C-alpha atoms as a PDB file:
ATOM      1  CA  MET A   1       3.400 -42.066  16.091  1.00  0.00           C
ATOM      2  CA  LEU A   2       2.900 -41.039  19.687  1.00  0.00           C
ATOM      3  CA  LEU A   3      -0.301 -39.591  21.021  1.00  0.00           C
ATOM      4  CA  ALA A   4       1.495 -36.352  21.874  1.00  0.00           C
ATOM      5  CA  GLU A   5       2.554 -35.941  18.246  1.00  0.00           C
ATOM      6  CA  PHE A   6      -1.025 -35.812  16.954  1.00  0.00           C
ATOM      7  CA  THR A   7      -2.115 -32.433  15.749  1.00  0.00           C
ATOM      8  CA  ALA A   8      -5.560 -31.163  14.911  1.00  0.00           C
ATOM      9  CA  ILE A   9      -4.946 -31.731  11.215  1.00  0.00           C
ATOM     10  CA  ASP A  10      -4.112 -35.394  11.896  1.00  0.00           C
ATOM     11  CA  VAL A  11      -7.403 -35.848  13.696  1.00  0.00           C
ATOM     12  CA  LEU A  12      -9.230 -34.134  10.837  1.00  0.00           C
ATOM     13  CA  TRP A  13      -7.546 -36.429   8.296  1.00  0.00           C
ATOM     14  CA  PHE A  14      -8.611 -39.507  10.284  1.00  0.00           C
ATOM     15  CA  ALA A  15     -12.167 -38.164  10.560  1.00  0.00           C
ATOM     16  CA  LEU A  16     -12.286 -37.439   6.829  1.00  0.00           C
ATOM     17  CA  SER A  17     -10.961 -40.922   6.056  1.00  0.00           C
ATOM     18  CA  ALA A  18     -13.558 -42.554   8.285  1.00  0.00           C
ATOM     19  CA  PHE A  19     -16.313 -40.441   6.735  1.00  0.00           C
ATOM     20  CA  LEU A  20     -15.271 -41.372   3.193  1.00  0.00           C
ATOM     21  CA  VAL A  21     -15.141 -45.057   4.093  1.00  0.00           C
ATOM     22  CA  LEU A  22     -18.688 -44.817   5.490  1.00  0.00           C
ATOM     23  CA  VAL A  23     -19.878 -42.993   2.374  1.00  0.00           C
ATOM     24  CA  ALA A  24     -18.304 -45.646   0.145  1.00  0.00           C
ATOM     25  CA  VAL A  25     -19.960 -48.459   2.115  1.00  0.00           C
ATOM     26  CA  ALA A  26     -23.335 -46.700   1.994  1.00  0.00           C
ATOM     27  CA  LEU A  27     -22.981 -46.025  -1.726  1.00  0.00           C
ATOM     28  CA  ALA A  28     -22.046 -49.653  -2.410  1.00  0.00           C
ATOM     29  CA  TYR A  29     -25.126 -50.819  -0.491  1.00  0.00           C
ATOM     30  CA  VAL A  30     -27.414 -48.434  -2.401  1.00  0.00           C
ATOM     31  CA  LEU A  31     -25.949 -49.495  -5.743  1.00  0.00           C
ATOM     32  CA  PHE A  32     -26.315 -53.171  -4.832  1.00  0.00           C
ATOM     33  CA  ARG A  33     -29.970 -52.630  -3.938  1.00  0.00           C
ATOM     34  CA  LEU A  34     -30.513 -50.610  -7.121  1.00  0.00           C
ATOM     35  CA  GLY A  35     -29.008 -53.430  -9.176  1.00  0.00           C
ATOM     36  CA  ALA A  36     -31.399 -55.911  -7.594  1.00  0.00           C
ATOM     37  CA  THR A  37     -34.327 -53.592  -8.293  1.00  0.00           C
ATOM     38  CA  VAL A  38     -33.303 -53.184 -11.932  1.00  0.00           C
ATOM     39  CA  GLY A  39     -33.046 -56.967 -12.217  1.00  0.00           C
ATOM     40  CA  ARG A  40     -36.570 -57.407 -10.871  1.00  0.00           C
ATOM     41  CA  LEU A  41     -37.846 -54.655 -13.179  1.00  0.00           C
ATOM     42  CA  THR A  42     -36.205 -56.325 -16.176  1.00  0.00           C
ATOM     43  CA  SER A  43     -37.789 -59.645 -15.255  1.00  0.00           C
ATOM     44  CA  PHE A  44     -41.178 -57.980 -14.824  1.00  0.00           C
ATOM     45  CA  ILE A  45     -40.992 -56.250 -18.205  1.00  0.00           C
ATOM     46  CA  ARG A  46     -39.928 -59.436 -19.985  1.00  0.00           C
ATOM     47  CA  GLY A  47     -42.880 -61.239 -18.405  1.00  0.00           C
ATOM     48  CA  LEU A  48     -45.113 -58.372 -19.435  1.00  0.00           C
ATOM     49  CA  GLU A  49     -43.872 -58.676 -23.023  1.00  0.00           C
ATOM     50  CA  ARG A  50     -44.557 -62.402 -23.074  1.00  0.00           C
ATOM     51  CA  GLU A  51     -48.073 -61.912 -21.762  1.00  0.00           C
ATOM     52  CA  VAL A  52     -49.188 -58.658 -23.395  1.00  0.00           C
ATOM     53  CA  LEU A  53     -47.890 -59.061 -26.949  1.00  0.00           C
ATOM     54  CA  PRO A  54     -49.906 -62.248 -27.660  1.00  0.00           C
ATOM     55  CA  VAL A  55     -52.998 -60.562 -26.248  1.00  0.00           C
ATOM     56  CA  ILE A  56     -52.444 -57.573 -28.511  1.00  0.00           C
ATOM     57  CA  ASN A  57     -51.966 -59.878 -31.501  1.00  0.00           C
ATOM     58  CA  GLN A  58     -55.121 -61.806 -30.624  1.00  0.00           C
ATOM     59  CA  ALA A  59     -57.030 -58.554 -30.209  1.00  0.00           C
ATOM     60  CA  ALA A  60     -55.808 -57.360 -33.611  1.00  0.00           C
ATOM     61  CA  GLY A  61     -56.781 -60.691 -35.222  1.00  0.00           C
ATOM     62  CA  THR A  62     -60.161 -60.596 -33.552  1.00  0.00           C
ATOM     63  CA  MET A  63     -60.733 -57.053 -34.740  1.00  0.00           C
ATOM     64  CA  GLU A  64     -59.832 -58.017 -38.297  1.00  0.00           C
ATOM     65  CA  ARG A  65     -62.420 -60.807 -38.197  1.00  0.00           C
ATOM     66  CA  VAL A  66     -64.987 -58.436 -36.693  1.00  0.00           C
ATOM     67  CA  ASN A  67     -64.288 -55.964 -39.481  1.00  0.00           C
ATOM     68  CA  ALA A  68     -64.931 -58.675 -42.078  1.00  0.00           C
ATOM     69  CA  GLN A  69     -68.306 -59.399 -40.517  1.00  0.00           C
ATOM     70  CA  LEU A  70     -69.102 -55.716 -40.351  1.00  0.00           C
ATOM     71  CA  ASP A  71     -68.359 -55.412 -44.066  1.00  0.00           C
ATOM     72  CA  LYS A  72     -71.165 -57.941 -44.660  1.00  0.00           C
ATOM     73  CA  VAL A  73     -73.475 -55.793 -42.579  1.00  0.00           C
ATOM     74  CA  ASP A  74     -72.321 -52.837 -44.694  1.00  0.00           C
ATOM     75  CA  ARG A  75     -74.328 -54.161 -47.628  1.00  0.00           C
ATOM     76  CA  VAL A  76     -77.470 -54.044 -45.509  1.00  0.00           C
ATOM     77  CA  THR A  77     -77.344 -50.481 -44.224  1.00  0.00           C
ATOM     78  CA  ASP A  78     -75.120 -47.410 -44.444  1.00  0.00           C
ATOM     79  CA  SER A  79     -75.480 -46.677 -40.738  1.00  0.00           C
ATOM     80  CA  ALA A  80     -73.835 -50.030 -39.957  1.00  0.00           C
ATOM     81  CA  VAL A  81     -70.827 -48.920 -42.020  1.00  0.00           C
ATOM     82  CA  ASP A  82     -70.475 -45.781 -39.918  1.00  0.00           C
ATOM     83  CA  ALA A  83     -70.643 -47.857 -36.727  1.00  0.00           C
ATOM     84  CA  ALA A  84     -68.048 -50.335 -38.021  1.00  0.00           C
ATOM     85  CA  ASP A  85     -65.666 -47.528 -38.981  1.00  0.00           C
ATOM     86  CA  SER A  86     -66.037 -45.982 -35.536  1.00  0.00           C
ATOM     87  CA  VAL A  87     -65.339 -49.303 -33.795  1.00  0.00           C
ATOM     88  CA  ASP A  88     -62.389 -50.017 -36.069  1.00  0.00           C
ATOM     89  CA  THR A  89     -60.854 -46.612 -35.413  1.00  0.00           C
ATOM     90  CA  ALA A  90     -61.266 -46.985 -31.657  1.00  0.00           C
ATOM     91  CA  VAL A  91     -59.749 -50.480 -31.621  1.00  0.00           C
ATOM     92  CA  ARG A  92     -56.794 -49.449 -33.731  1.00  0.00           C
ATOM     93  CA  ALA A  93     -56.214 -46.446 -31.470  1.00  0.00           C
ATOM     94  CA  VAL A  94     -56.326 -48.665 -28.380  1.00  0.00           C
ATOM     95  CA  THR A  95     -54.063 -51.253 -30.023  1.00  0.00           C
ATOM     96  CA  PHE A  96     -51.604 -48.554 -31.047  1.00  0.00           C
ATOM     97  CA  ALA A  97     -51.797 -46.959 -27.590  1.00  0.00           C
ATOM     98  CA  LEU A  98     -50.903 -50.274 -25.946  1.00  0.00           C
ATOM     99  CA  THR A  99     -48.310 -51.412 -28.468  1.00  0.00           C
ATOM    100  CA  ARG A 100     -46.060 -48.354 -28.592  1.00  0.00           C
ATOM    101  CA  PRO A 101     -45.465 -48.008 -24.823  1.00  0.00           C
ATOM    102  CA  VAL A 102     -44.627 -51.721 -24.573  1.00  0.00           C
ATOM    103  CA  GLN A 103     -42.173 -51.308 -27.468  1.00  0.00           C
ATOM    104  CA  LYS A 104     -40.559 -48.262 -25.868  1.00  0.00           C
ATOM    105  CA  ILE A 105     -40.305 -49.783 -22.375  1.00  0.00           C
ATOM    106  CA  SER A 106     -38.874 -53.001 -23.769  1.00  0.00           C
ATOM    107  CA  GLY A 107     -36.367 -51.049 -25.855  1.00  0.00           C
ATOM    108  CA  LEU A 108     -35.410 -48.930 -22.852  1.00  0.00           C
ATOM    109  CA  VAL A 109     -34.811 -51.927 -20.619  1.00  0.00           C
ATOM    110  CA  GLU A 110     -32.857 -53.740 -23.333  1.00  0.00           C
ATOM    111  CA  GLY A 111     -30.793 -50.595 -23.965  1.00  0.00           C
ATOM    112  CA  ILE A 112     -30.049 -50.116 -20.281  1.00  0.00           C
ATOM    113  CA  ALA A 113     -29.082 -53.753 -19.827  1.00  0.00           C
ATOM    114  CA  HIS A 114     -26.921 -53.833 -22.944  1.00  0.00           C
ATOM    115  CA  GLY A 115     -25.343 -50.456 -22.211  1.00  0.00           C
ATOM    116  CA  ALA A 116     -24.553 -51.448 -18.625  1.00  0.00           C
ATOM    117  CA  ALA A 117     -22.993 -54.705 -19.797  1.00  0.00           C
ATOM    118  CA  SER A 118     -20.966 -52.842 -22.392  1.00  0.00           C
ATOM    119  CA  LEU A 119     -19.846 -50.305 -19.801  1.00  0.00           C
ATOM    120  CA  ARG A 120     -18.734 -53.055 -17.427  1.00  0.00           C
ATOM    121  CA  ALA A 121     -16.910 -54.882 -20.215  1.00  0.00           C
ATOM    122  CA  ARG A 122     -15.232 -51.977 -21.994  1.00  0.00           C
ATOM    123  CA  LYS A 123     -15.242 -49.099 -19.452  1.00  0.00           C
ATOM    124  CA  ASP A 124     -16.168 -46.728 -22.289  1.00  0.00           C
ATOM    125  CA  VAL A 125     -19.152 -44.490 -21.462  1.00  0.00           C
ATOM    126  CA  ARG A 126     -19.733 -43.256 -25.020  1.00  0.00           C
ATOM    127  CA  GLY A 127     -19.391 -46.736 -26.441  1.00  0.00           C
ATOM    128  CA  ALA A 128     -21.778 -48.069 -23.808  1.00  0.00           C
ATOM    129  CA  TYR A 129     -24.263 -45.320 -24.637  1.00  0.00           C
ATOM    130  CA  ARG A 130     -24.089 -46.153 -28.343  1.00  0.00           C
ATOM    131  CA  ALA A 131     -24.351 -49.876 -27.655  1.00  0.00           C
ATOM    132  CA  GLY A 132     -27.375 -49.312 -25.417  1.00  0.00           C
ATOM    133  CA  LYS A 133     -29.034 -47.045 -27.942  1.00  0.00           C
ATOM    134  CA  ASP A 134     -28.442 -49.554 -30.734  1.00  0.00           C
ATOM    135  CA  ALA A 135     -29.755 -52.435 -28.615  1.00  0.00           C
ATOM    136  CA  ALA A 136     -32.892 -50.446 -27.748  1.00  0.00           C
ATOM    137  CA  ALA A 137     -33.555 -49.671 -31.417  1.00  0.00           C
ATOM    138  CA  ARG A 138     -33.027 -53.328 -32.368  1.00  0.00           C
ATOM    139  CA  ARG A 139     -35.446 -54.493 -29.664  1.00  0.00           C
ATOM    140  CA  GLU A 140     -38.120 -52.031 -30.773  1.00  0.00           C
ATOM    141  CA  ASP A 141     -37.717 -53.193 -34.381  1.00  0.00           C
ATOM    142  CA  GLU A 142     -37.961 -56.842 -33.286  1.00  0.00           C
ATOM    143  CA  ILE A 143     -41.225 -56.189 -31.469  1.00  0.00           C
ATOM    144  CA  GLU A 144     -42.627 -54.281 -34.444  1.00  0.00           C
ATOM    145  CA  ASP A 145     -41.718 -57.195 -36.740  1.00  0.00           C
ATOM    146  CA  GLU A 146     -43.313 -59.672 -34.336  1.00  0.00           C
ATOM    147  CA  LEU A 147     -46.510 -57.649 -34.300  1.00  0.00           C
ATOM    148  CA  ARG A 148     -46.613 -57.479 -38.105  1.00  0.00           C
ATOM    149  CA  ARG A 149     -46.033 -61.227 -38.505  1.00  0.00           C
ATOM    150  CA  GLY A 150     -48.532 -62.089 -35.775  1.00  0.00           C
ATOM    151  CA  SER A 151     -51.417 -60.230 -37.435  1.00  0.00           C
ATOM    152  CA  PRO A 152     -53.497 -62.243 -39.944  1.00  0.00           C
END
């Protein structure tokens, strides 16, 4: 193709092609960085699970032992019973407030990871969504079971 044969539309097509190549390169870079960030977030949440769940279990066990001692104090005075019930309610609320978000975040991360893997493997968006949703529900159930078994 000679330079004299170029028309304005040819120049526009070359410009559009160059622009789309630049957009694709930029998008690939952003997605690569996002993948690395998701990997670090997954690692952080798994570490958080390993560290926080035993602490929650220990706190629940400690509170159960404290409640047993408070029941002994219950025989001494009725006001001690009211104090023990107040402490127990507050601890259970705090334990529940900490446990549920950890369960949900862990389920979300597991669902995202499993769904993304399923999407890469099968190229089926609906199937990946279902697989991710199922994996998230399984992970939340696993954590709930672990918490039940860990409590004395």
